[in-house]
């Protein structure tokens, strides 16, 4: 099966821009109080049980990558059922089929049962999309806390960015 993360990256970046453009001033489907500034932006995702990404804005003053975003997945998700289908085929008991990935830069990679290639490739893609949005100053349109940072978390814990100690430096939004 082929998963085209190059096409998915475009779809997800459009979703990210839409979420920024539509960010409500006083209603937020995320942790914290609606009127507070955004302290953490999390791109959460999961590939093997459903297939989705969720961009969650956390307005808690002490926001941290503590998993609170998980309570707001369905309010913020964009589904990718083909990711789950690919994982199902990869682990089929009778005839496992590798996953051929087209990465966001157009290169190709084959994923087998021996690695977490799809999960890692999606995590890297989401990280790159957050960095692209930061470079384009897309987050400047949001009501951000002074020390707002961003990150990526796989729902199952396989991937996380940035490292805990580097979250306020590498993940700084502005």
C-alpha atoms as a PDB file:
ATOM      1  CA  UNK A   1       0.000   0.000   0.000  1.00  0.00           C
ATOM      2  CA  UNK A   2       1.185   3.542  -0.734  1.00  0.00           C
ATOM      3  CA  UNK A   3       0.771   6.423   1.734  1.00  0.00           C
ATOM      4  CA  UNK A   4       1.442   9.803   0.148  1.00  0.00           C
ATOM      5  CA  UNK A   5       2.616  12.031   2.985  1.00  0.00           C
ATOM      6  CA  UNK A   6       3.488  14.714   0.447  1.00  0.00           C
ATOM      7  CA  UNK A   7      -0.220  15.105  -0.368  1.00  0.00           C
ATOM      8  CA  UNK A   8      -1.190  14.622   3.297  1.00  0.00           C
ATOM      9  CA  UNK A   9       1.248  17.382   4.331  1.00  0.00           C
ATOM     10  CA  UNK A  10      -0.512  19.829   2.017  1.00  0.00           C
ATOM     11  CA  UNK A  11      -3.914  18.833   3.400  1.00  0.00           C
ATOM     12  CA  UNK A  12      -2.686  19.121   6.995  1.00  0.00           C
ATOM     13  CA  UNK A  13      -1.013  22.494   6.422  1.00  0.00           C
ATOM     14  CA  UNK A  14      -4.280  23.794   4.976  1.00  0.00           C
ATOM     15  CA  UNK A  15      -6.054  22.429   8.073  1.00  0.00           C
ATOM     16  CA  UNK A  16      -3.503  24.163  10.324  1.00  0.00           C
ATOM     17  CA  UNK A  17      -4.036  27.473   8.508  1.00  0.00           C
ATOM     18  CA  UNK A  18      -7.808  27.052   8.703  1.00  0.00           C
ATOM     19  CA  UNK A  19      -7.641  26.376  12.449  1.00  0.00           C
ATOM     20  CA  UNK A  20      -5.546  29.518  12.920  1.00  0.00           C
ATOM     21  CA  UNK A  21      -7.863  31.616  10.745  1.00  0.00           C
ATOM     22  CA  UNK A  22     -10.949  30.352  12.537  1.00  0.00           C
ATOM     23  CA  UNK A  23      -9.540  30.485  16.061  1.00  0.00           C
ATOM     24  CA  UNK A  24     -12.356  31.833  18.178  1.00  0.00           C
ATOM     25  CA  UNK A  25     -11.558  34.633  20.540  1.00  0.00           C
ATOM     26  CA  UNK A  26     -13.630  33.278  23.432  1.00  0.00           C
ATOM     27  CA  UNK A  27     -14.479  29.651  22.591  1.00  0.00           C
ATOM     28  CA  UNK A  28     -11.658  27.124  22.486  1.00  0.00           C
ATOM     29  CA  UNK A  29     -12.025  23.359  22.154  1.00  0.00           C
ATOM     30  CA  UNK A  30      -8.934  22.749  24.245  1.00  0.00           C
ATOM     31  CA  UNK A  31      -7.644  22.795  27.819  1.00  0.00           C
ATOM     32  CA  UNK A  32      -7.859  26.050  29.753  1.00  0.00           C
ATOM     33  CA  UNK A  33     -10.113  29.074  29.888  1.00  0.00           C
ATOM     34  CA  UNK A  34     -11.459  30.429  26.606  1.00  0.00           C
ATOM     35  CA  UNK A  35     -10.382  34.027  27.157  1.00  0.00           C
ATOM     36  CA  UNK A  36      -6.791  33.190  28.196  1.00  0.00           C
ATOM     37  CA  UNK A  37      -3.910  33.398  25.698  1.00  0.00           C
ATOM     38  CA  UNK A  38      -2.610  30.228  24.074  1.00  0.00           C
ATOM     39  CA  UNK A  39       0.315  28.776  26.017  1.00  0.00           C
ATOM     40  CA  UNK A  40       0.806  25.497  24.101  1.00  0.00           C
ATOM     41  CA  UNK A  41      -0.001  24.349  20.568  1.00  0.00           C
ATOM     42  CA  UNK A  42      -0.041  20.566  20.197  1.00  0.00           C
ATOM     43  CA  UNK A  43      -0.231  18.572  17.002  1.00  0.00           C
ATOM     44  CA  UNK A  44      -1.429  15.183  18.261  1.00  0.00           C
ATOM     45  CA  UNK A  45      -1.861  12.211  15.976  1.00  0.00           C
ATOM     46  CA  UNK A  46      -2.447   8.493  15.743  1.00  0.00           C
ATOM     47  CA  UNK A  47      -1.967   6.166  12.779  1.00  0.00           C
ATOM     48  CA  UNK A  48      -2.661   2.617  13.852  1.00  0.00           C
ATOM     49  CA  UNK A  49      -6.113   2.527  15.462  1.00  0.00           C
ATOM     50  CA  UNK A  50      -8.040   5.206  13.579  1.00  0.00           C
ATOM     51  CA  UNK A  51      -5.763   7.561  11.626  1.00  0.00           C
ATOM     52  CA  UNK A  52      -6.047  11.265  12.493  1.00  0.00           C
ATOM     53  CA  UNK A  53      -4.272  14.480  13.419  1.00  0.00           C
ATOM     54  CA  UNK A  54      -5.608  17.048  15.898  1.00  0.00           C
ATOM     55  CA  UNK A  55      -4.361  20.576  16.423  1.00  0.00           C
ATOM     56  CA  UNK A  56      -5.153  21.578  20.002  1.00  0.00           C
ATOM     57  CA  UNK A  57      -4.700  25.024  21.518  1.00  0.00           C
ATOM     58  CA  UNK A  58      -4.033  24.923  25.274  1.00  0.00           C
ATOM     59  CA  UNK A  59      -4.733  28.118  27.222  1.00  0.00           C
ATOM     60  CA  UNK A  60      -3.754  26.893  30.684  1.00  0.00           C
ATOM     61  CA  UNK A  61      -1.171  29.298  32.152  1.00  0.00           C
ATOM     62  CA  UNK A  62       0.955  26.300  33.230  1.00  0.00           C
ATOM     63  CA  UNK A  63       0.392  24.297  30.029  1.00  0.00           C
ATOM     64  CA  UNK A  64       2.812  21.463  29.430  1.00  0.00           C
ATOM     65  CA  UNK A  65       2.957  18.345  27.251  1.00  0.00           C
ATOM     66  CA  UNK A  66       1.035  16.355  29.862  1.00  0.00           C
ATOM     67  CA  UNK A  67      -1.535  14.680  27.626  1.00  0.00           C
ATOM     68  CA  UNK A  68      -4.462  17.011  28.409  1.00  0.00           C
ATOM     69  CA  UNK A  69      -4.906  17.560  24.663  1.00  0.00           C
ATOM     70  CA  UNK A  70      -6.199  13.965  24.428  1.00  0.00           C
ATOM     71  CA  UNK A  71      -9.549  15.031  25.892  1.00  0.00           C
ATOM     72  CA  UNK A  72     -10.086  17.309  22.870  1.00  0.00           C
ATOM     73  CA  UNK A  73      -9.187  15.034  19.956  1.00  0.00           C
ATOM     74  CA  UNK A  74     -12.622  14.597  18.406  1.00  0.00           C
ATOM     75  CA  UNK A  75     -13.352  18.330  18.610  1.00  0.00           C
ATOM     76  CA  UNK A  76     -10.248  19.093  16.557  1.00  0.00           C
ATOM     77  CA  UNK A  77      -9.357  16.121  14.399  1.00  0.00           C
ATOM     78  CA  UNK A  78      -8.777  15.605  10.721  1.00  0.00           C
ATOM     79  CA  UNK A  79      -9.139  11.944   9.821  1.00  0.00           C
ATOM     80  CA  UNK A  80      -6.782   9.835   7.691  1.00  0.00           C
ATOM     81  CA  UNK A  81      -8.382   6.360   7.593  1.00  0.00           C
ATOM     82  CA  UNK A  82      -5.877   5.206   4.969  1.00  0.00           C
ATOM     83  CA  UNK A  83      -3.149   5.306   7.644  1.00  0.00           C
ATOM     84  CA  UNK A  84      -5.018   2.725   9.720  1.00  0.00           C
ATOM     85  CA  UNK A  85      -5.733   0.660   6.618  1.00  0.00           C
ATOM     86  CA  UNK A  86      -2.015   0.612   5.773  1.00  0.00           C
ATOM     87  CA  UNK A  87      -1.123  -0.463   9.334  1.00  0.00           C
ATOM     88  CA  UNK A  88      -3.781  -3.200   9.187  1.00  0.00           C
ATOM     89  CA  UNK A  89      -2.307  -4.500   5.935  1.00  0.00           C
ATOM     90  CA  UNK A  90       1.235  -4.287   7.338  1.00  0.00           C
ATOM     91  CA  UNK A  91       0.288  -6.546  10.260  1.00  0.00           C
ATOM     92  CA  UNK A  92      -2.088  -8.868   8.407  1.00  0.00           C
ATOM     93  CA  UNK A  93      -1.488 -12.382   9.746  1.00  0.00           C
ATOM     94  CA  UNK A  94      -1.966 -14.128   6.399  1.00  0.00           C
ATOM     95  CA  UNK A  95      -0.334 -11.753   3.923  1.00  0.00           C
ATOM     96  CA  UNK A  96       1.473  -8.791   5.491  1.00  0.00           C
ATOM     97  CA  UNK A  97       2.109  -6.011   3.001  1.00  0.00           C
ATOM     98  CA  UNK A  98       4.793  -3.334   3.490  1.00  0.00           C
ATOM     99  CA  UNK A  99       3.877   0.340   3.342  1.00  0.00           C
ATOM    100  CA  UNK A 100       5.478   2.444   0.656  1.00  0.00           C
ATOM    101  CA  UNK A 101       5.687   6.044   1.837  1.00  0.00           C
ATOM    102  CA  UNK A 102       6.044   9.119  -0.300  1.00  0.00           C
ATOM    103  CA  UNK A 103       7.642  11.538   2.162  1.00  0.00           C
ATOM    104  CA  UNK A 104       6.802  15.247   2.126  1.00  0.00           C
ATOM    105  CA  UNK A 105      10.011  15.989   0.184  1.00  0.00           C
ATOM    106  CA  UNK A 106       9.036  13.430  -2.495  1.00  0.00           C
ATOM    107  CA  UNK A 107      11.531  10.737  -1.488  1.00  0.00           C
ATOM    108  CA  UNK A 108      10.296   7.208  -0.999  1.00  0.00           C
ATOM    109  CA  UNK A 109      10.650   4.919   1.997  1.00  0.00           C
ATOM    110  CA  UNK A 110       9.468   1.372   2.632  1.00  0.00           C
ATOM    111  CA  UNK A 111       8.021   0.520   6.058  1.00  0.00           C
ATOM    112  CA  UNK A 112       8.066  -3.055   7.333  1.00  0.00           C
ATOM    113  CA  UNK A 113       6.851  -4.710  10.522  1.00  0.00           C
ATOM    114  CA  UNK A 114      10.327  -4.227  11.986  1.00  0.00           C
ATOM    115  CA  UNK A 115      10.069  -0.458  12.422  1.00  0.00           C
ATOM    116  CA  UNK A 116       7.809   2.435  13.385  1.00  0.00           C
ATOM    117  CA  UNK A 117       8.476   4.188  10.076  1.00  0.00           C
ATOM    118  CA  UNK A 118       4.955   5.461   9.438  1.00  0.00           C
ATOM    119  CA  UNK A 119       4.514   6.858  12.940  1.00  0.00           C
ATOM    120  CA  UNK A 120       7.933   8.522  12.841  1.00  0.00           C
ATOM    121  CA  UNK A 121       7.412   9.904   9.323  1.00  0.00           C
ATOM    122  CA  UNK A 122       4.063  11.429  10.341  1.00  0.00           C
ATOM    123  CA  UNK A 123       5.617  12.933  13.475  1.00  0.00           C
ATOM    124  CA  UNK A 124       8.478  14.453  11.481  1.00  0.00           C
ATOM    125  CA  UNK A 125       6.001  15.805   8.923  1.00  0.00           C
ATOM    126  CA  UNK A 126       3.891  17.478  11.633  1.00  0.00           C
ATOM    127  CA  UNK A 127       6.999  18.963  13.263  1.00  0.00           C
ATOM    128  CA  UNK A 128       8.090  20.369   9.903  1.00  0.00           C
ATOM    129  CA  UNK A 129       4.621  21.847   9.319  1.00  0.00           C
ATOM    130  CA  UNK A 130       4.701  23.603  12.706  1.00  0.00           C
ATOM    131  CA  UNK A 131       8.169  24.972  11.923  1.00  0.00           C
ATOM    132  CA  UNK A 132       6.967  26.104   8.478  1.00  0.00           C
ATOM    133  CA  UNK A 133       4.013  27.920  10.053  1.00  0.00           C
ATOM    134  CA  UNK A 134       6.321  29.532  12.619  1.00  0.00           C
ATOM    135  CA  UNK A 135       8.712  30.693   9.895  1.00  0.00           C
ATOM    136  CA  UNK A 136       5.755  32.128   7.934  1.00  0.00           C
ATOM    137  CA  UNK A 137       4.638  33.877  11.155  1.00  0.00           C
ATOM    138  CA  UNK A 138       1.201  32.239  10.892  1.00  0.00           C
ATOM    139  CA  UNK A 139       0.920  31.934  14.681  1.00  0.00           C
ATOM    140  CA  UNK A 140       1.327  35.707  15.086  1.00  0.00           C
ATOM    141  CA  UNK A 141      -2.403  36.007  14.311  1.00  0.00           C
ATOM    142  CA  UNK A 142      -3.304  34.101  17.482  1.00  0.00           C
ATOM    143  CA  UNK A 143      -3.633  35.434  21.045  1.00  0.00           C
ATOM    144  CA  UNK A 144      -0.394  33.893  22.319  1.00  0.00           C
ATOM    145  CA  UNK A 145       1.073  33.841  25.804  1.00  0.00           C
ATOM    146  CA  UNK A 146       4.553  35.361  25.920  1.00  0.00           C
ATOM    147  CA  UNK A 147       6.231  31.981  26.442  1.00  0.00           C
ATOM    148  CA  UNK A 148       3.940  29.956  24.121  1.00  0.00           C
ATOM    149  CA  UNK A 149       5.512  26.811  22.724  1.00  0.00           C
ATOM    150  CA  UNK A 150       4.456  24.013  20.390  1.00  0.00           C
ATOM    151  CA  UNK A 151       4.974  20.302  20.057  1.00  0.00           C
ATOM    152  CA  UNK A 152       4.018  17.041  18.412  1.00  0.00           C
ATOM    153  CA  UNK A 153       2.787  13.953  20.262  1.00  0.00           C
ATOM    154  CA  UNK A 154       1.863  10.525  18.981  1.00  0.00           C
ATOM    155  CA  UNK A 155      -1.226   9.333  20.861  1.00  0.00           C
ATOM    156  CA  UNK A 156       0.551   6.047  21.639  1.00  0.00           C
ATOM    157  CA  UNK A 157       3.809   7.639  22.814  1.00  0.00           C
ATOM    158  CA  UNK A 158       6.026   6.449  19.952  1.00  0.00           C
ATOM    159  CA  UNK A 159       6.965   9.985  18.843  1.00  0.00           C
ATOM    160  CA  UNK A 160       7.331  13.296  20.608  1.00  0.00           C
ATOM    161  CA  UNK A 161       8.922  16.618  19.711  1.00  0.00           C
ATOM    162  CA  UNK A 162      10.651  18.598  21.073  1.00  0.00           C
ATOM    163  CA  UNK A 163      12.552  16.853  23.823  1.00  0.00           C
ATOM    164  CA  UNK A 164      11.293  17.907  27.265  1.00  0.00           C
ATOM    165  CA  UNK A 165      14.404  19.929  28.121  1.00  0.00           C
ATOM    166  CA  UNK A 166      14.315  21.752  24.762  1.00  0.00           C
ATOM    167  CA  UNK A 167      10.584  22.464  24.586  1.00  0.00           C
ATOM    168  CA  UNK A 168      10.817  26.189  25.319  1.00  0.00           C
ATOM    169  CA  UNK A 169      13.742  26.726  22.928  1.00  0.00           C
ATOM    170  CA  UNK A 170      13.071  24.442  19.929  1.00  0.00           C
ATOM    171  CA  UNK A 171       9.300  24.633  20.332  1.00  0.00           C
ATOM    172  CA  UNK A 172       9.064  28.388  20.924  1.00  0.00           C
ATOM    173  CA  UNK A 173       6.219  29.686  18.775  1.00  0.00           C
ATOM    174  CA  UNK A 174       7.406  33.249  18.205  1.00  0.00           C
END
